Amino acid sequence: MKVLVACEFSGGVRDAFIRQGHDAVSCDLIPSESPGPHIQGNVLEVINSGEWDLMIAHPPCTHLAVSGARWFKDKPDLQREAIQFFMDLVTCEIPKVCIENPVGIMSTVYRKPNQYIQPWEFGHPESKKTGLWLRGSPNLIPTNNVKEEYDSLPVNVRNRIHYLPPTPDRGKLRSKTYPGIADGMANQWSNLF
């Protein structure tokens, strides 16, 4: 299966699909942090080439997530561009699509996601509620529920992502897909074709 992982610089999801034997490529405006097949550039220039079977997309959430709602009124043009980019991914010609994003305005602007997932459902005792908008792919089934461990941890540990201090790398750290989720996607969606 040919898999395009859009808006991914870490290589985590790409590499999970490669481990399952697929031809997976990541694409982002910035270089990949890990060696492997990567297209540095605008994903909109490659999504409709007809060569992809599955796309997993991680569009930037800066102007879409409810965590930034108090600034929405100050950035209507940036938000419009972010919505359009999300919708360009939705309407691509790739047969199977998963678009992930945190809780945000796309639930009302477009539609509610097919499902929400949490890292603690995939072996990571942390919280980061993420919506998955799916086309042609089944819902992701939790693989390693560690909710009890998660519940026993202090709030600042459970919500580590939320409490990250402001640094130049904060956005990158918050946007990475947890390895357990990447493995769940690769394991469960490997037989779609």
N, C-alpha and C. Protein backbone atom coordinates (compact mmCIF):
# COMPACT_ATOMS: atom_id res chain seq x y z
N MET A 1 0.85 -1.18 0.00
CA MET A 1 0.00 0.00 0.00
C MET A 1 0.89 1.24 0.00
N LYS A 2 0.52 2.25 -0.77
CA LYS A 2 1.24 3.52 -0.81
C LYS A 2 0.57 4.48 0.16
N VAL A 3 1.33 4.90 1.15
CA VAL A 3 0.79 5.72 2.23
C VAL A 3 1.49 7.08 2.23
N LEU A 4 0.69 8.13 2.24
CA LEU A 4 1.20 9.49 2.37
C LEU A 4 0.84 9.99 3.76
N VAL A 5 1.86 10.42 4.51
CA VAL A 5 1.63 10.99 5.83
C VAL A 5 1.87 12.49 5.70
N ALA A 6 0.77 13.22 5.62
CA ALA A 6 0.83 14.65 5.34
C ALA A 6 1.07 15.46 6.61
N CYS A 7 1.88 16.48 6.47
CA CYS A 7 2.18 17.41 7.57
C CYS A 7 2.85 16.68 8.73
N GLU A 8 3.79 15.83 8.40
CA GLU A 8 4.55 15.09 9.42
C GLU A 8 6.04 15.31 9.22
N PHE A 9 6.68 15.89 10.23
CA PHE A 9 8.12 16.09 10.19
C PHE A 9 8.86 15.07 11.05
N SER A 10 8.14 14.39 11.96
CA SER A 10 8.81 13.47 12.89
C SER A 10 9.12 12.11 12.27
N GLY A 11 8.33 11.70 11.29
CA GLY A 11 8.52 10.39 10.68
C GLY A 11 7.90 9.25 11.46
N GLY A 12 7.24 9.54 12.58
CA GLY A 12 6.70 8.49 13.44
C GLY A 12 5.63 7.63 12.79
N VAL A 13 4.64 8.26 12.18
CA VAL A 13 3.57 7.49 11.54
C VAL A 13 4.11 6.83 10.27
N ARG A 14 4.90 7.57 9.52
CA ARG A 14 5.52 7.00 8.30
C ARG A 14 6.28 5.74 8.63
N ASP A 15 7.13 5.80 9.65
CA ASP A 15 7.97 4.66 10.01
C ASP A 15 7.15 3.48 10.53
N ALA A 16 6.02 3.76 11.21
CA ALA A 16 5.16 2.67 11.67
C ALA A 16 4.60 1.90 10.48
N PHE A 17 4.22 2.60 9.41
CA PHE A 17 3.71 1.91 8.22
C PHE A 17 4.83 1.20 7.47
N ILE A 18 6.02 1.78 7.45
CA ILE A 18 7.16 1.11 6.81
C ILE A 18 7.47 -0.21 7.52
N ARG A 19 7.40 -0.21 8.86
CA ARG A 19 7.64 -1.44 9.63
C ARG A 19 6.62 -2.53 9.29
N GLN A 20 5.45 -2.12 8.83
CA GLN A 20 4.41 -3.08 8.42
C GLN A 20 4.58 -3.50 6.95
N GLY A 21 5.63 -3.00 6.29
CA GLY A 21 5.92 -3.41 4.92
C GLY A 21 5.32 -2.53 3.84
N HIS A 22 4.85 -1.36 4.20
CA HIS A 22 4.22 -0.48 3.21
C HIS A 22 5.20 0.55 2.66
N ASP A 23 4.87 1.09 1.52
CA ASP A 23 5.62 2.16 0.88
C ASP A 23 5.06 3.47 1.43
N ALA A 24 5.63 3.97 2.51
CA ALA A 24 5.11 5.16 3.18
C ALA A 24 6.10 6.32 3.04
N VAL A 25 5.53 7.50 2.84
CA VAL A 25 6.32 8.73 2.66
C VAL A 25 5.69 9.82 3.51
N SER A 26 6.52 10.56 4.24
CA SER A 26 6.02 11.73 4.96
C SER A 26 6.22 12.96 4.08
N CYS A 27 5.44 14.00 4.35
CA CYS A 27 5.54 15.24 3.59
C CYS A 27 5.29 16.40 4.54
N ASP A 28 6.17 17.38 4.53
CA ASP A 28 6.00 18.56 5.37
C ASP A 28 6.81 19.70 4.77
N LEU A 29 6.50 20.91 5.20
CA LEU A 29 7.26 22.07 4.72
C LEU A 29 8.67 22.09 5.28
N ILE A 30 8.88 21.40 6.40
CA ILE A 30 10.21 21.36 7.01
C ILE A 30 10.81 19.96 6.84
N PRO A 31 12.14 19.84 6.99
CA PRO A 31 12.78 18.53 6.83
C PRO A 31 12.30 17.54 7.88
N SER A 32 12.43 16.26 7.56
CA SER A 32 12.10 15.20 8.50
C SER A 32 13.15 15.15 9.60
N GLU A 33 12.71 14.87 10.83
CA GLU A 33 13.64 14.73 11.94
C GLU A 33 14.31 13.36 11.96
N SER A 34 13.73 12.40 11.24
CA SER A 34 14.33 11.07 11.21
C SER A 34 14.55 10.66 9.76
N PRO A 35 15.61 9.91 9.50
CA PRO A 35 15.88 9.49 8.13
C PRO A 35 14.75 8.63 7.59
N GLY A 36 14.48 8.78 6.33
CA GLY A 36 13.44 7.99 5.69
C GLY A 36 12.83 8.76 4.55
N PRO A 37 11.94 8.12 3.80
CA PRO A 37 11.32 8.77 2.65
C PRO A 37 10.51 10.00 3.08
N HIS A 38 10.89 11.15 2.57
CA HIS A 38 10.25 12.41 2.98
C HIS A 38 10.24 13.38 1.81
N ILE A 39 9.10 14.01 1.60
CA ILE A 39 8.99 15.07 0.61
C ILE A 39 8.93 16.38 1.38
N GLN A 40 9.93 17.22 1.17
CA GLN A 40 9.89 18.53 1.81
C GLN A 40 9.22 19.49 0.83
N GLY A 41 8.02 19.90 1.19
CA GLY A 41 7.27 20.80 0.32
C GLY A 41 5.81 20.82 0.70
N ASN A 42 5.01 21.43 -0.16
CA ASN A 42 3.59 21.60 0.06
C ASN A 42 2.86 20.32 -0.32
N VAL A 43 2.18 19.71 0.63
CA VAL A 43 1.48 18.45 0.38
C VAL A 43 0.40 18.60 -0.68
N LEU A 44 -0.15 19.79 -0.84
CA LEU A 44 -1.20 20.00 -1.85
C LEU A 44 -0.68 19.78 -3.27
N GLU A 45 0.64 19.82 -3.42
CA GLU A 45 1.24 19.59 -4.74
C GLU A 45 1.42 18.11 -5.05
N VAL A 46 1.21 17.24 -4.05
CA VAL A 46 1.42 15.80 -4.28
C VAL A 46 0.21 14.93 -3.98
N ILE A 47 -0.81 15.47 -3.31
CA ILE A 47 -1.90 14.58 -2.87
C ILE A 47 -2.75 14.04 -4.01
N ASN A 48 -2.90 14.76 -5.09
CA ASN A 48 -3.79 14.31 -6.15
C ASN A 48 -3.05 13.71 -7.35
N SER A 49 -1.89 13.11 -7.07
CA SER A 49 -1.09 12.51 -8.13
C SER A 49 -1.64 11.16 -8.60
N GLY A 50 -2.55 10.59 -7.82
CA GLY A 50 -3.12 9.29 -8.17
C GLY A 50 -2.30 8.11 -7.70
N GLU A 51 -1.20 8.36 -6.99
CA GLU A 51 -0.34 7.25 -6.58
C GLU A 51 -0.59 6.77 -5.15
N TRP A 52 -1.43 7.46 -4.38
CA TRP A 52 -1.59 7.14 -2.96
C TRP A 52 -2.84 6.31 -2.72
N ASP A 53 -2.74 5.34 -1.81
CA ASP A 53 -3.88 4.53 -1.39
C ASP A 53 -4.50 5.06 -0.09
N LEU A 54 -3.65 5.58 0.78
CA LEU A 54 -4.07 6.05 2.09
C LEU A 54 -3.31 7.31 2.43
N MET A 55 -4.02 8.30 2.99
CA MET A 55 -3.35 9.49 3.52
C MET A 55 -3.76 9.65 4.98
N ILE A 56 -2.76 9.85 5.80
CA ILE A 56 -2.98 10.24 7.19
C ILE A 56 -2.42 11.65 7.29
N ALA A 57 -3.28 12.61 7.63
CA ALA A 57 -2.88 14.01 7.61
C ALA A 57 -2.97 14.62 9.01
N HIS A 58 -1.99 15.44 9.29
CA HIS A 58 -1.89 16.14 10.57
C HIS A 58 -1.83 17.65 10.30
N PRO A 59 -2.91 18.25 9.79
CA PRO A 59 -2.84 19.68 9.46
C PRO A 59 -2.58 20.53 10.69
N PRO A 60 -1.84 21.62 10.54
CA PRO A 60 -1.57 22.50 11.69
C PRO A 60 -2.87 22.94 12.35
N CYS A 61 -2.86 22.93 13.68
CA CYS A 61 -4.08 23.24 14.43
C CYS A 61 -4.06 24.62 15.07
N THR A 62 -2.98 25.36 14.88
CA THR A 62 -2.82 26.65 15.56
C THR A 62 -4.04 27.54 15.44
N HIS A 63 -4.65 27.60 14.27
CA HIS A 63 -5.78 28.50 14.04
C HIS A 63 -7.12 27.76 14.04
N LEU A 64 -7.12 26.49 14.49
CA LEU A 64 -8.34 25.68 14.47
C LEU A 64 -8.73 25.15 15.85
N ALA A 65 -7.77 24.91 16.72
CA ALA A 65 -8.03 24.25 18.01
C ALA A 65 -8.72 25.19 19.00
N VAL A 66 -9.62 24.64 19.80
CA VAL A 66 -10.31 25.45 20.79
C VAL A 66 -9.36 26.02 21.84
N SER A 67 -8.20 25.41 22.00
CA SER A 67 -7.24 25.95 22.97
C SER A 67 -6.80 27.36 22.59
N GLY A 68 -6.96 27.74 21.34
CA GLY A 68 -6.61 29.10 20.91
C GLY A 68 -7.81 29.97 20.59
N ALA A 69 -8.99 29.56 21.05
CA ALA A 69 -10.23 30.26 20.68
C ALA A 69 -10.22 31.74 21.06
N ARG A 70 -9.58 32.08 22.15
CA ARG A 70 -9.60 33.50 22.56
C ARG A 70 -8.90 34.41 21.57
N TRP A 71 -8.07 33.82 20.66
CA TRP A 71 -7.37 34.63 19.65
C TRP A 71 -8.03 34.56 18.27
N PHE A 72 -9.09 33.78 18.13
CA PHE A 72 -9.73 33.62 16.82
C PHE A 72 -10.14 34.96 16.21
N LYS A 73 -10.69 35.86 17.01
CA LYS A 73 -11.16 37.14 16.49
C LYS A 73 -10.03 38.00 15.94
N ASP A 74 -8.81 37.74 16.38
CA ASP A 74 -7.66 38.54 15.95
C ASP A 74 -7.00 38.00 14.68
N LYS A 75 -7.45 36.86 14.20
CA LYS A 75 -6.77 36.24 13.06
C LYS A 75 -7.73 35.60 12.06
N PRO A 76 -8.76 36.32 11.63
CA PRO A 76 -9.75 35.69 10.74
C PRO A 76 -9.15 35.21 9.41
N ASP A 77 -8.18 35.93 8.85
CA ASP A 77 -7.59 35.49 7.58
C ASP A 77 -6.78 34.21 7.75
N LEU A 78 -6.01 34.13 8.83
CA LEU A 78 -5.22 32.93 9.09
C LEU A 78 -6.13 31.74 9.36
N GLN A 79 -7.21 31.99 10.05
CA GLN A 79 -8.15 30.91 10.33
C GLN A 79 -8.83 30.44 9.05
N ARG A 80 -9.22 31.36 8.18
CA ARG A 80 -9.83 30.98 6.90
C ARG A 80 -8.87 30.12 6.08
N GLU A 81 -7.60 30.49 6.06
CA GLU A 81 -6.59 29.71 5.33
C GLU A 81 -6.45 28.31 5.93
N ALA A 82 -6.46 28.23 7.26
CA ALA A 82 -6.33 26.93 7.93
C ALA A 82 -7.54 26.04 7.64
N ILE A 83 -8.72 26.62 7.63
CA ILE A 83 -9.94 25.87 7.30
C ILE A 83 -9.87 25.38 5.85
N GLN A 84 -9.43 26.26 4.95
CA GLN A 84 -9.35 25.86 3.54
C GLN A 84 -8.34 24.73 3.34
N PHE A 85 -7.20 24.81 4.03
CA PHE A 85 -6.20 23.75 3.94
C PHE A 85 -6.78 22.42 4.42
N PHE A 86 -7.46 22.44 5.56
CA PHE A 86 -8.09 21.24 6.10
C PHE A 86 -9.06 20.67 5.06
N MET A 87 -9.88 21.53 4.48
CA MET A 87 -10.87 21.07 3.50
C MET A 87 -10.22 20.58 2.21
N ASP A 88 -9.09 21.15 1.82
CA ASP A 88 -8.35 20.64 0.65
C ASP A 88 -7.89 19.20 0.91
N LEU A 89 -7.51 18.92 2.15
CA LEU A 89 -7.13 17.55 2.50
C LEU A 89 -8.35 16.64 2.47
N VAL A 90 -9.48 17.12 3.00
CA VAL A 90 -10.72 16.34 3.03
C VAL A 90 -11.14 15.94 1.62
N THR A 91 -11.04 16.86 0.67
CA THR A 91 -11.58 16.64 -0.67
C THR A 91 -10.56 16.07 -1.66
N CYS A 92 -9.43 15.61 -1.17
CA CYS A 92 -8.42 15.05 -2.07
C CYS A 92 -8.95 13.78 -2.73
N GLU A 93 -8.25 13.32 -3.75
CA GLU A 93 -8.67 12.16 -4.52
C GLU A 93 -8.18 10.82 -3.96
N ILE A 94 -7.49 10.84 -2.85
CA ILE A 94 -6.98 9.60 -2.24
C ILE A 94 -8.16 8.83 -1.66
N PRO A 95 -8.25 7.52 -1.95
CA PRO A 95 -9.44 6.75 -1.54
C PRO A 95 -9.65 6.62 -0.03
N LYS A 96 -8.58 6.42 0.73
CA LYS A 96 -8.69 6.25 2.19
C LYS A 96 -7.98 7.43 2.86
N VAL A 97 -8.70 8.08 3.80
CA VAL A 97 -8.16 9.30 4.41
C VAL A 97 -8.44 9.30 5.91
N CYS A 98 -7.44 9.73 6.67
CA CYS A 98 -7.60 10.03 8.09
C CYS A 98 -6.99 11.41 8.32
N ILE A 99 -7.78 12.32 8.82
CA ILE A 99 -7.27 13.64 9.19
C ILE A 99 -7.42 13.77 10.69
N GLU A 100 -6.30 14.06 11.36
CA GLU A 100 -6.36 14.17 12.81
C GLU A 100 -6.16 15.63 13.21
N ASN A 101 -6.87 16.04 14.25
CA ASN A 101 -6.75 17.39 14.79
C ASN A 101 -7.37 17.39 16.18
N PRO A 102 -6.90 18.28 17.04
CA PRO A 102 -7.51 18.35 18.38
C PRO A 102 -8.93 18.91 18.30
N VAL A 103 -9.59 18.92 19.42
CA VAL A 103 -10.93 19.50 19.49
C VAL A 103 -10.84 20.94 18.99
N GLY A 104 -11.70 21.27 18.04
CA GLY A 104 -11.62 22.61 17.45
C GLY A 104 -12.83 22.94 16.60
N ILE A 105 -12.66 23.96 15.79
CA ILE A 105 -13.79 24.50 15.03
C ILE A 105 -14.20 23.65 13.84
N MET A 106 -13.37 22.70 13.42
CA MET A 106 -13.74 21.88 12.26
C MET A 106 -14.97 21.02 12.55
N SER A 107 -15.26 20.77 13.83
CA SER A 107 -16.45 20.01 14.20
C SER A 107 -17.72 20.75 13.81
N THR A 108 -17.67 22.08 13.76
CA THR A 108 -18.84 22.86 13.36
C THR A 108 -18.71 23.38 11.92
N VAL A 109 -17.51 23.74 11.50
CA VAL A 109 -17.31 24.26 10.15
C VAL A 109 -17.50 23.16 9.11
N TYR A 110 -17.02 21.96 9.41
CA TYR A 110 -17.12 20.82 8.48
C TYR A 110 -18.12 19.81 9.04
N ARG A 111 -17.67 18.97 9.94
CA ARG A 111 -18.52 18.00 10.62
C ARG A 111 -17.76 17.46 11.82
N LYS A 112 -18.48 16.78 12.70
CA LYS A 112 -17.83 16.16 13.84
C LYS A 112 -16.91 15.05 13.35
N PRO A 113 -15.82 14.79 14.06
CA PRO A 113 -14.95 13.67 13.66
C PRO A 113 -15.67 12.33 13.86
N ASN A 114 -15.18 11.32 13.17
CA ASN A 114 -15.73 9.98 13.34
C ASN A 114 -15.51 9.48 14.76
N GLN A 115 -14.39 9.89 15.35
CA GLN A 115 -14.09 9.45 16.71
C GLN A 115 -13.06 10.38 17.34
N TYR A 116 -13.01 10.33 18.67
CA TYR A 116 -11.94 10.98 19.43
C TYR A 116 -11.11 9.87 20.07
N ILE A 117 -9.81 10.09 20.11
CA ILE A 117 -8.92 9.13 20.76
C ILE A 117 -8.08 9.86 21.80
N GLN A 118 -7.52 9.10 22.73
CA GLN A 118 -6.64 9.62 23.77
C GLN A 118 -5.36 8.78 23.79
N PRO A 119 -4.21 9.39 24.10
CA PRO A 119 -2.97 8.62 24.20
C PRO A 119 -3.06 7.46 25.20
N TRP A 120 -3.82 7.66 26.31
CA TRP A 120 -3.91 6.60 27.31
C TRP A 120 -4.63 5.36 26.78
N GLU A 121 -5.29 5.45 25.64
CA GLU A 121 -5.91 4.27 25.03
C GLU A 121 -4.89 3.44 24.23
N PHE A 122 -3.68 4.01 24.07
CA PHE A 122 -2.65 3.37 23.24
C PHE A 122 -1.32 3.25 23.99
N GLY A 123 -1.41 3.15 25.33
CA GLY A 123 -0.21 2.87 26.12
C GLY A 123 0.55 4.05 26.65
N HIS A 124 0.04 5.26 26.49
CA HIS A 124 0.73 6.47 26.97
C HIS A 124 -0.13 7.14 28.04
N PRO A 125 0.29 7.15 29.31
CA PRO A 125 -0.54 7.71 30.37
C PRO A 125 -0.56 9.24 30.35
N GLU A 126 -1.09 9.78 29.27
CA GLU A 126 -1.20 11.23 29.09
C GLU A 126 -2.53 11.54 28.42
N SER A 127 -2.87 12.83 28.42
CA SER A 127 -4.11 13.28 27.81
C SER A 127 -3.81 14.19 26.63
N LYS A 128 -4.46 13.93 25.52
CA LYS A 128 -4.41 14.80 24.34
C LYS A 128 -5.56 14.35 23.43
N LYS A 129 -6.76 14.84 23.74
CA LYS A 129 -7.95 14.42 23.00
C LYS A 129 -7.82 14.85 21.55
N THR A 130 -7.90 13.87 20.66
CA THR A 130 -7.68 14.11 19.24
C THR A 130 -8.81 13.52 18.42
N GLY A 131 -9.33 14.32 17.50
CA GLY A 131 -10.38 13.86 16.61
C GLY A 131 -9.79 13.23 15.36
N LEU A 132 -10.46 12.20 14.87
CA LEU A 132 -10.08 11.57 13.61
C LEU A 132 -11.26 11.67 12.65
N TRP A 133 -11.04 12.37 11.54
CA TRP A 133 -12.03 12.45 10.47
C TRP A 133 -11.62 11.39 9.44
N LEU A 134 -12.46 10.39 9.24
CA LEU A 134 -12.11 9.23 8.44
C LEU A 134 -12.96 9.14 7.18
N ARG A 135 -12.33 8.68 6.11
CA ARG A 135 -13.05 8.35 4.88
C ARG A 135 -12.47 7.04 4.35
N GLY A 136 -13.29 6.01 4.32
CA GLY A 136 -12.85 4.71 3.81
C GLY A 136 -12.02 3.90 4.77
N SER A 137 -11.86 4.38 5.98
CA SER A 137 -11.08 3.66 7.00
C SER A 137 -11.96 3.45 8.22
N PRO A 138 -11.82 2.31 8.89
CA PRO A 138 -12.62 2.07 10.10
C PRO A 138 -12.07 2.88 11.28
N ASN A 139 -12.90 3.02 12.30
CA ASN A 139 -12.43 3.67 13.53
C ASN A 139 -11.22 2.93 14.08
N LEU A 140 -10.37 3.66 14.74
CA LEU A 140 -9.19 3.09 15.37
C LEU A 140 -9.61 2.47 16.70
N ILE A 141 -9.21 1.24 16.94
CA ILE A 141 -9.57 0.53 18.16
C ILE A 141 -8.42 0.68 19.17
N PRO A 142 -8.72 1.09 20.42
CA PRO A 142 -7.66 1.19 21.43
C PRO A 142 -6.90 -0.13 21.56
N THR A 143 -5.58 -0.02 21.74
CA THR A 143 -4.73 -1.21 21.77
C THR A 143 -4.13 -1.51 23.14
N ASN A 144 -4.02 -0.49 24.00
CA ASN A 144 -3.36 -0.69 25.30
C ASN A 144 -3.87 0.37 26.25
N ASN A 145 -5.04 0.12 26.85
CA ASN A 145 -5.68 1.11 27.70
C ASN A 145 -4.97 1.17 29.06
N VAL A 146 -4.36 2.31 29.34
CA VAL A 146 -3.65 2.52 30.61
C VAL A 146 -4.33 3.63 31.41
N LYS A 147 -5.66 3.69 31.33
CA LYS A 147 -6.43 4.74 32.02
C LYS A 147 -6.22 4.69 33.52
N GLU A 148 -6.13 3.51 34.11
CA GLU A 148 -5.90 3.43 35.56
C GLU A 148 -4.58 4.08 35.95
N GLU A 149 -3.53 3.77 35.20
CA GLU A 149 -2.23 4.39 35.47
C GLU A 149 -2.33 5.91 35.26
N TYR A 150 -2.97 6.31 34.19
CA TYR A 150 -3.16 7.73 33.89
C TYR A 150 -3.87 8.43 35.06
N ASP A 151 -4.95 7.85 35.55
CA ASP A 151 -5.72 8.45 36.63
C ASP A 151 -4.92 8.56 37.93
N SER A 152 -3.91 7.72 38.11
CA SER A 152 -3.13 7.73 39.35
C SER A 152 -2.01 8.79 39.35
N LEU A 153 -1.77 9.39 38.21
CA LEU A 153 -0.67 10.35 38.09
C LEU A 153 -1.11 11.76 38.47
N PRO A 154 -0.16 12.60 38.90
CA PRO A 154 -0.48 14.01 39.16
C PRO A 154 -0.95 14.71 37.87
N VAL A 155 -1.79 15.70 38.02
CA VAL A 155 -2.38 16.40 36.88
C VAL A 155 -1.31 16.92 35.92
N ASN A 156 -0.24 17.48 36.45
CA ASN A 156 0.79 18.06 35.56
C ASN A 156 1.53 16.99 34.76
N VAL A 157 1.53 15.75 35.21
CA VAL A 157 2.15 14.65 34.46
C VAL A 157 1.15 14.13 33.42
N ARG A 158 -0.10 13.94 33.83
CA ARG A 158 -1.14 13.46 32.90
C ARG A 158 -1.32 14.43 31.74
N ASN A 159 -1.22 15.70 32.03
CA ASN A 159 -1.45 16.74 31.02
C ASN A 159 -0.13 17.42 30.63
N ARG A 160 0.91 16.63 30.51
CA ARG A 160 2.25 17.14 30.19
C ARG A 160 2.24 18.05 28.97
N ILE A 161 1.53 17.65 27.93
CA ILE A 161 1.50 18.43 26.70
C ILE A 161 0.92 19.82 26.95
N HIS A 162 -0.13 19.89 27.75
CA HIS A 162 -0.77 21.17 28.06
C HIS A 162 0.16 22.09 28.85
N TYR A 163 0.96 21.49 29.72
CA TYR A 163 1.82 22.27 30.61
C TYR A 163 3.21 22.56 30.05
N LEU A 164 3.46 22.22 28.80
CA LEU A 164 4.78 22.52 28.24
C LEU A 164 5.02 24.02 28.30
N PRO A 165 6.21 24.43 28.75
CA PRO A 165 6.49 25.87 28.83
C PRO A 165 6.67 26.47 27.44
N PRO A 166 6.47 27.76 27.32
CA PRO A 166 6.67 28.40 26.01
C PRO A 166 8.15 28.35 25.61
N THR A 167 8.42 27.64 24.54
CA THR A 167 9.77 27.54 23.99
C THR A 167 9.64 27.55 22.47
N PRO A 168 10.74 27.76 21.76
CA PRO A 168 10.65 27.71 20.29
C PRO A 168 10.16 26.36 19.75
N ASP A 169 10.38 25.27 20.49
CA ASP A 169 9.99 23.93 20.03
C ASP A 169 8.63 23.47 20.57
N ARG A 170 7.94 24.30 21.31
CA ARG A 170 6.68 23.88 21.95
C ARG A 170 5.68 23.35 20.92
N GLY A 171 5.49 24.07 19.84
CA GLY A 171 4.54 23.63 18.81
C GLY A 171 4.90 22.28 18.22
N LYS A 172 6.18 22.07 17.96
CA LYS A 172 6.62 20.79 17.41
C LYS A 172 6.39 19.65 18.41
N LEU A 173 6.71 19.91 19.67
CA LEU A 173 6.53 18.88 20.70
C LEU A 173 5.06 18.52 20.87
N ARG A 174 4.19 19.52 20.80
CA ARG A 174 2.75 19.28 20.97
C ARG A 174 2.13 18.57 19.77
N SER A 175 2.77 18.69 18.61
CA SER A 175 2.15 18.14 17.40
C SER A 175 2.55 16.69 17.09
N LYS A 176 3.52 16.15 17.77
CA LYS A 176 3.98 14.79 17.46
C LYS A 176 2.93 13.74 17.84
N THR A 177 2.83 12.73 16.99
CA THR A 177 1.92 11.62 17.23
C THR A 177 2.60 10.63 18.18
N TYR A 178 1.88 10.18 19.18
CA TYR A 178 2.42 9.20 20.11
C TYR A 178 2.71 7.89 19.37
N PRO A 179 3.83 7.23 19.68
CA PRO A 179 4.18 5.98 18.99
C PRO A 179 3.10 4.91 19.07
N GLY A 180 2.41 4.80 20.21
CA GLY A 180 1.36 3.80 20.34
C GLY A 180 0.20 4.05 19.38
N ILE A 181 -0.12 5.32 19.13
CA ILE A 181 -1.18 5.66 18.18
C ILE A 181 -0.70 5.36 16.76
N ALA A 182 0.54 5.75 16.45
CA ALA A 182 1.10 5.47 15.12
C ALA A 182 1.09 3.97 14.84
N ASP A 183 1.51 3.17 15.83
CA ASP A 183 1.52 1.71 15.65
C ASP A 183 0.10 1.17 15.50
N GLY A 184 -0.84 1.73 16.26
CA GLY A 184 -2.24 1.31 16.12
C GLY A 184 -2.77 1.56 14.72
N MET A 185 -2.46 2.73 14.17
CA MET A 185 -2.89 3.04 12.80
C MET A 185 -2.28 2.05 11.81
N ALA A 186 -0.98 1.85 11.92
CA ALA A 186 -0.28 0.98 10.96
C ALA A 186 -0.76 -0.47 11.09
N ASN A 187 -0.92 -0.96 12.31
CA ASN A 187 -1.36 -2.34 12.51
C ASN A 187 -2.80 -2.56 12.03
N GLN A 188 -3.68 -1.61 12.33
CA GLN A 188 -5.10 -1.81 12.03
C GLN A 188 -5.47 -1.44 10.61
N TRP A 189 -4.76 -0.51 10.00
CA TRP A 189 -5.13 -0.06 8.66
C TRP A 189 -4.25 -0.67 7.58
N SER A 190 -3.38 -1.58 7.93
CA SER A 190 -2.48 -2.20 6.94
C SER A 190 -3.21 -3.06 5.94
N ASN A 191 -4.37 -3.56 6.29
CA ASN A 191 -5.09 -4.47 5.39
C ASN A 191 -6.28 -3.80 4.70
N LEU A 192 -6.23 -2.51 4.52
CA LEU A 192 -7.35 -1.81 3.89
C LEU A 192 -7.43 -2.13 2.39
N PHE A 193 -6.33 -2.56 1.80
CA PHE A 193 -6.32 -2.87 0.37
C PHE A 193 -5.93 -4.32 0.14
